[in-house]
Protein backbone atom coordinates (compact mmCIF):
# COMPACT_ATOMS: atom_id res chain seq x y z
CA MET A 1 0.02 0.30 -0.10
CA ARG A 2 0.98 3.33 -0.80
CA PHE A 3 2.49 5.36 1.58
CA GLN A 4 1.49 9.25 1.95
CA ILE A 5 4.49 11.67 1.97
CA SER A 6 2.29 13.79 4.31
CA ASN A 7 2.17 11.29 7.03
CA THR A 8 6.35 10.64 6.43
CA VAL A 9 6.81 14.58 6.98
CA VAL A 10 4.85 15.40 10.62
CA GLY A 11 6.40 11.55 11.52
CA ALA A 12 9.90 12.77 10.27
CA LEU A 13 9.18 16.85 11.40
CA ASN A 14 7.80 14.53 15.27
CA ILE A 15 10.68 13.26 16.37
CA LEU A 16 13.17 15.29 15.77
CA SER A 17 10.70 17.67 17.83
CA LEU A 18 10.98 14.30 20.02
CA LEU A 19 15.15 14.56 20.41
CA LEU A 20 14.57 19.24 21.22
CA GLY A 21 11.83 17.58 24.32
CA LEU A 22 14.35 14.68 25.18
CA SER A 23 16.98 17.47 25.43
CA ALA A 24 15.30 19.70 27.55
CA LEU A 25 14.89 16.93 29.89
CA ALA A 26 18.12 16.27 30.05
CA THR A 27 19.34 19.31 30.67
CA SER A 28 16.65 20.09 33.36
CA ALA A 29 18.06 17.27 34.60
CA TYR A 30 21.17 17.66 35.04
CA ILE A 31 20.65 21.07 36.80
CA HIS A 32 18.84 19.62 39.37
CA PHE A 33 21.45 16.40 39.89
CA HIS A 34 25.36 18.18 39.38
CA GLY A 35 23.64 21.43 40.04
CA GLY A 36 23.25 21.19 43.78
CA ASN A 37 23.41 23.73 46.64
CA GLY A 38 26.20 24.98 43.47
CA ALA A 39 23.56 25.95 41.47
CA SER A 40 23.03 29.81 41.04
CA ASP A 41 19.69 31.20 41.02
CA CYS A 42 19.80 31.52 37.55
CA GLN A 43 20.30 28.66 36.49
CA LYS A 44 17.29 27.26 39.36
CA VAL A 45 14.97 29.36 37.86
CA LEU A 46 15.28 27.00 34.43
CA GLN A 47 14.69 23.77 35.94
CA TYR A 48 11.03 23.70 36.16
CA PRO A 49 10.29 25.69 32.52
CA LEU A 50 12.84 22.83 30.72
CA LEU A 51 10.82 20.40 32.85
CA ILE A 52 8.03 21.66 31.39
CA ALA A 53 8.35 22.54 28.37
CA GLY A 54 10.07 19.19 27.78
CA VAL A 55 7.91 16.74 28.96
CA PHE A 56 4.65 19.26 26.67
CA ILE A 57 7.78 18.80 23.66
CA VAL A 58 7.66 14.10 24.48
CA ILE A 59 4.25 13.42 24.85
CA ILE A 60 3.36 16.01 22.02
CA SER A 61 5.74 14.22 18.91
CA THR A 62 5.00 11.02 21.01
CA PHE A 63 0.92 11.35 19.77
CA GLY A 64 2.25 13.04 16.14
CA ILE A 65 4.40 9.74 15.60
CA VAL A 66 2.01 6.98 16.68
CA GLY A 67 -1.02 9.00 14.45
CA SER A 68 1.23 9.70 11.31
CA LEU A 69 3.24 7.10 11.32
CA CYS A 70 0.74 3.55 13.10
CA ARG A 71 -1.80 5.49 11.86
CA ILE A 72 -3.68 5.76 14.40
CA ASN A 73 -5.71 8.23 14.32
CA VAL A 74 -7.17 8.84 17.76
CA ALA A 75 -3.57 9.97 18.72
CA LEU A 76 -3.63 12.39 15.39
CA TYR A 77 -6.61 13.77 16.20
CA ALA A 78 -5.33 14.84 19.59
CA TYR A 79 -2.56 15.80 17.90
CA LEU A 80 -4.14 17.74 15.89
CA LEU A 81 -6.41 19.56 18.48
CA VAL A 82 -2.65 20.28 20.64
CA THR A 83 -1.27 21.56 17.43
CA PHE A 84 -4.47 23.98 16.77
CA PHE A 85 -3.98 25.48 20.36
CA LEU A 86 -0.48 26.20 19.82
CA ILE A 87 -1.24 27.29 17.19
CA VAL A 88 -3.57 30.19 18.66
CA ALA A 89 -1.04 30.75 21.59
CA MET A 90 1.44 31.87 19.57
CA VAL A 91 -0.96 34.81 17.53
CA LEU A 92 -1.71 35.91 20.66
CA PHE A 93 1.52 36.06 22.43
CA THR A 94 2.82 37.84 19.54
CA ILE A 95 -0.13 40.20 19.83
CA PHE A 96 0.73 40.72 23.44
CA ALA A 97 4.53 41.02 23.08
CA LEU A 98 3.94 43.79 20.74
CA PHE A 99 2.02 45.14 22.84
CA VAL A 100 4.52 45.57 25.81
CA THR A 101 6.96 46.53 23.92
CA ASN A 102 5.41 49.63 22.00
CA LYS A 103 6.60 52.42 23.78
CA LYS A 104 9.81 54.13 22.27
CA VAL A 105 12.03 55.48 25.26
CA GLY A 106 15.28 56.11 26.20
CA GLN A 107 16.50 58.79 27.01
CA GLN A 108 19.90 60.03 25.69
CA VAL A 109 22.57 61.14 28.32
CA SER A 110 23.67 64.66 27.28
CA THR A 111 26.36 64.93 24.95
CA ARG A 112 27.49 61.30 25.01
CA ALA A 113 27.01 58.94 22.29
CA TYR A 114 24.59 56.87 24.92
CA GLY A 115 21.50 56.06 26.30
CA GLU A 116 20.47 55.35 29.80
CA TYR A 117 17.16 54.12 30.62
CA VAL A 118 14.56 54.04 33.97
CA VAL A 119 11.91 51.92 34.42
CA THR A 120 9.07 54.00 33.95
CA ASP A 121 9.93 54.22 30.42
CA PHE A 122 8.56 50.70 29.75
CA SER A 123 4.99 49.13 29.86
CA HIS A 124 3.44 48.67 33.99
CA TRP A 125 3.42 45.18 32.10
CA LEU A 126 6.97 44.88 31.91
CA GLN A 127 7.88 46.67 35.12
CA HIS A 128 5.71 44.83 37.54
CA TYR A 129 6.74 41.63 36.46
CA VAL A 130 11.13 41.77 35.56
CA VAL A 131 11.41 44.31 37.84
CA ASN A 132 9.64 42.55 41.59
CA ASN A 133 11.37 42.28 44.34
CA LYS A 134 11.29 38.32 44.14
CA ASN A 135 12.84 38.56 39.78
CA TRP A 136 14.68 40.91 40.35
CA ASP A 137 17.32 38.62 42.40
CA GLU A 138 16.94 35.88 39.55
CA VAL A 139 17.73 38.63 36.80
CA LYS A 140 20.84 39.66 39.38
CA SER A 141 22.28 36.15 39.20
CA CYS A 142 21.87 35.96 35.53
CA LEU A 143 23.64 38.78 34.91
CA MET A 144 26.52 37.64 37.67
CA ASP A 145 26.42 34.50 35.82
CA ALA A 146 26.72 35.72 31.91
CA GLY A 147 29.67 38.20 33.11
CA VAL A 148 28.09 41.12 31.75
CA CYS A 149 30.25 43.80 33.32
CA HIS A 150 33.33 41.33 33.04
CA ASP A 151 34.00 42.71 29.19
CA LEU A 152 34.96 46.06 30.89
CA ALA A 153 37.16 44.99 33.14
CA ILE A 154 38.81 42.61 30.50
CA HIS A 155 38.83 46.06 28.63
CA GLY A 156 39.96 48.37 30.80
CA GLY A 157 43.06 50.23 29.76
CA PHE A 158 41.92 52.67 27.73
CA ASN A 159 42.03 56.93 27.60
CA HIS A 160 39.78 58.91 28.62
CA SER A 161 39.72 60.54 25.08
CA ASN A 162 37.74 57.19 23.96
CA GLU A 163 35.42 57.37 26.62
CA ASP A 164 32.23 57.74 24.51
CA LEU A 165 32.83 55.86 21.43
CA PHE A 166 33.77 53.27 24.45
CA PHE A 167 30.69 52.88 26.17
CA LYS A 168 28.33 53.66 22.44
CA HIS A 169 29.63 50.15 22.01
CA LEU A 170 28.47 48.54 25.13
CA SER A 171 24.82 47.12 25.93
CA THR A 172 21.64 48.88 27.29
CA THR A 173 22.23 46.31 30.56
CA GLN A 174 25.79 47.21 30.25
CA VAL A 175 25.45 50.88 30.62
CA GLY A 176 23.16 50.51 33.48
CA CYS A 177 24.52 47.95 35.23
CA CYS A 178 27.81 48.41 35.28
CA LYS A 179 28.49 52.07 35.19
CA PRO A 180 26.77 54.76 37.67
CA PRO A 181 24.17 57.23 36.28
CA ALA A 182 25.84 60.00 34.24
CA ASN A 183 24.25 62.79 36.09
CA CYS A 184 26.02 61.67 39.18
CA GLY A 185 28.72 63.13 38.15
CA PHE A 186 31.69 60.32 38.68
CA LYS A 187 34.71 60.16 37.52
CA MET A 188 35.87 57.10 35.49
CA LYS A 189 39.50 55.90 36.63
CA ASN A 190 39.68 53.08 34.20
CA ALA A 191 36.85 50.99 33.49
CA THR A 192 36.12 49.35 36.65
CA TYR A 193 36.35 52.35 39.20
CA TRP A 194 34.74 55.13 39.27
CA GLU A 195 35.52 57.90 42.02
CA ALA A 196 32.91 60.08 43.71
CA PRO A 197 32.65 63.47 43.77
CA LYS A 198 34.62 64.96 45.34
CA THR A 199 31.70 67.18 46.96
CA GLY A 200 29.96 64.60 47.82
CA VAL A 201 27.20 62.37 46.47
CA SER A 202 24.06 63.94 46.02
CA LEU A 203 20.64 62.50 46.13
CA ALA A 204 19.04 65.42 43.90
CA ASN A 205 20.06 63.87 40.56
CA ASN A 206 19.43 60.57 41.04
CA SER A 207 18.56 58.25 44.42
CA ASP A 208 21.08 54.98 42.03
CA CYS A 209 24.32 57.97 43.21
CA LYS A 210 23.99 56.06 46.34
CA THR A 211 22.99 53.36 45.07
CA TRP A 212 26.80 52.70 42.85
CA SER A 213 29.82 50.50 44.89
CA ASN A 214 32.84 49.65 43.14
CA LYS A 215 32.82 46.25 44.46
CA GLU A 216 32.58 43.38 41.21
CA ASP A 217 30.02 42.50 43.37
CA LYS A 218 27.43 44.85 43.81
CA LEU A 219 28.43 47.71 40.74
CA CYS A 220 25.24 49.24 39.90
CA TYR A 221 23.02 46.12 39.98
CA ASP A 222 20.37 47.56 42.27
CA CYS A 223 20.20 50.21 40.22
CA ASN A 224 17.43 51.74 38.38
CA SER A 225 18.89 52.20 35.54
CA CYS A 226 19.94 48.60 35.62
CA LYS A 227 16.71 47.43 35.25
CA GLY A 228 15.84 49.66 32.67
CA GLY A 229 18.90 48.38 30.58
CA VAL A 230 17.56 45.59 31.33
CA LEU A 231 14.21 46.14 30.23
CA ALA A 232 15.31 47.77 27.16
CA ASN A 233 17.72 44.69 25.92
CA ILE A 234 13.93 42.44 26.92
CA ARG A 235 11.81 44.99 24.44
CA ASN A 236 14.49 44.67 21.98
CA GLN A 237 14.86 41.00 21.86
CA TRP A 238 10.96 40.81 21.82
CA ARG A 239 10.39 42.21 19.30
CA HIS A 240 13.10 39.31 17.25
CA LEU A 241 10.99 37.15 19.10
CA THR A 242 7.85 38.34 17.52
CA ILE A 243 8.72 38.14 13.83
CA PHE A 244 10.86 34.55 15.11
CA ASN A 245 7.20 33.80 16.40
CA SER A 246 5.62 34.45 13.65
CA VAL A 247 8.13 32.67 11.59
CA VAL A 248 7.19 29.57 13.37
CA CYS A 249 3.79 29.87 13.86
CA VAL A 250 3.55 29.59 9.58
CA LEU A 251 5.66 26.76 9.93
CA ILE A 252 3.60 24.61 12.83
CA THR A 253 0.48 25.98 10.31
CA ALA A 254 2.63 23.94 7.65
CA ILE A 255 2.69 20.86 9.84
CA TYR A 256 -1.20 21.19 11.22
CA VAL A 257 -2.24 21.11 7.21
CA LEU A 258 0.26 17.84 6.70
CA GLY A 259 -1.45 16.79 9.72
CA CYS A 260 -4.87 16.57 8.41
CA PHE A 261 -3.71 15.33 5.48
CA ALA A 262 -2.14 12.21 7.55
CA ALA A 263 -5.55 12.04 9.55
CA ARG A 264 -7.54 11.81 6.11
CA ASN A 265 -4.93 9.38 4.80
CA ASN A 266 -5.66 7.09 7.88
CA ARG A 267 -9.25 7.82 6.85
CA ILE A 268 -8.97 6.32 3.40
CA ASP A 269 -6.72 3.56 4.69
CA MET A 270 -8.90 2.40 7.05
CA TYR A 271 -11.98 2.12 4.97
CA ASN A 272 -9.59 0.84 1.77
CA LYS A 273 -9.05 -2.27 4.74
CA ASN A 274 -13.28 -2.85 5.42
CA HIS A 275 -14.19 -2.73 1.73
CA THR A 276 -11.36 -5.31 0.61
CA HIS A 277 -11.14 -7.55 3.47
CA PRO A 278 -15.07 -7.70 4.81
């Protein structure tokens, strides 16, 4: 009996997604068993999302494989139903992401060639979800794990004449977290050390001026400017994510259509079997 191509394609794609799901489960298990008490908050926060995503992908991929390659329509219908809701969820997420990142902000710092951000520049959802006290501790852990300020220490040897050029090429997160805000008046001695104004630090300009520390594990990680820089980076990433999400949504829709053809093929084969062998 001829094996329809739609069944083969759906089965092959779901074998790939099954391997992806197993990889997510393996990563989650590695964090749990090998991370132990030494695992950072950043690593721990990935453990359960990876576990949930892995289990979900493995189950749905199994339905797709069994339904398309083993010709069991009940499994294929379950796969199609979940895929349909996944497409709807991705469309809604894309709309939501565009909504929460549509505010164009960012303050140009006097004559500086780089911009600084504050939390109030962004949508209320991003403010309350990302920079609340509980989530911000995890974000700080991720920033330290990623060594976002480490590059400044490595490239600390430069003259002050190219200071603006140096900071222009930093990310919004590095500008907000790895240096004191420009209006604090700190004098840069090198990329990792800033000297407070001789007149003292005033809170009149910015409360972050008192928060800044030259200690490597402190810096400006608790500054409002750091949270603003992280939010600016998240906003930029989400804008790219909406493009990626749209492409993936089109791909999943194509797989859904192929799945519908595979289900039809299964029905035709079942009909032919029933009428060929009474």
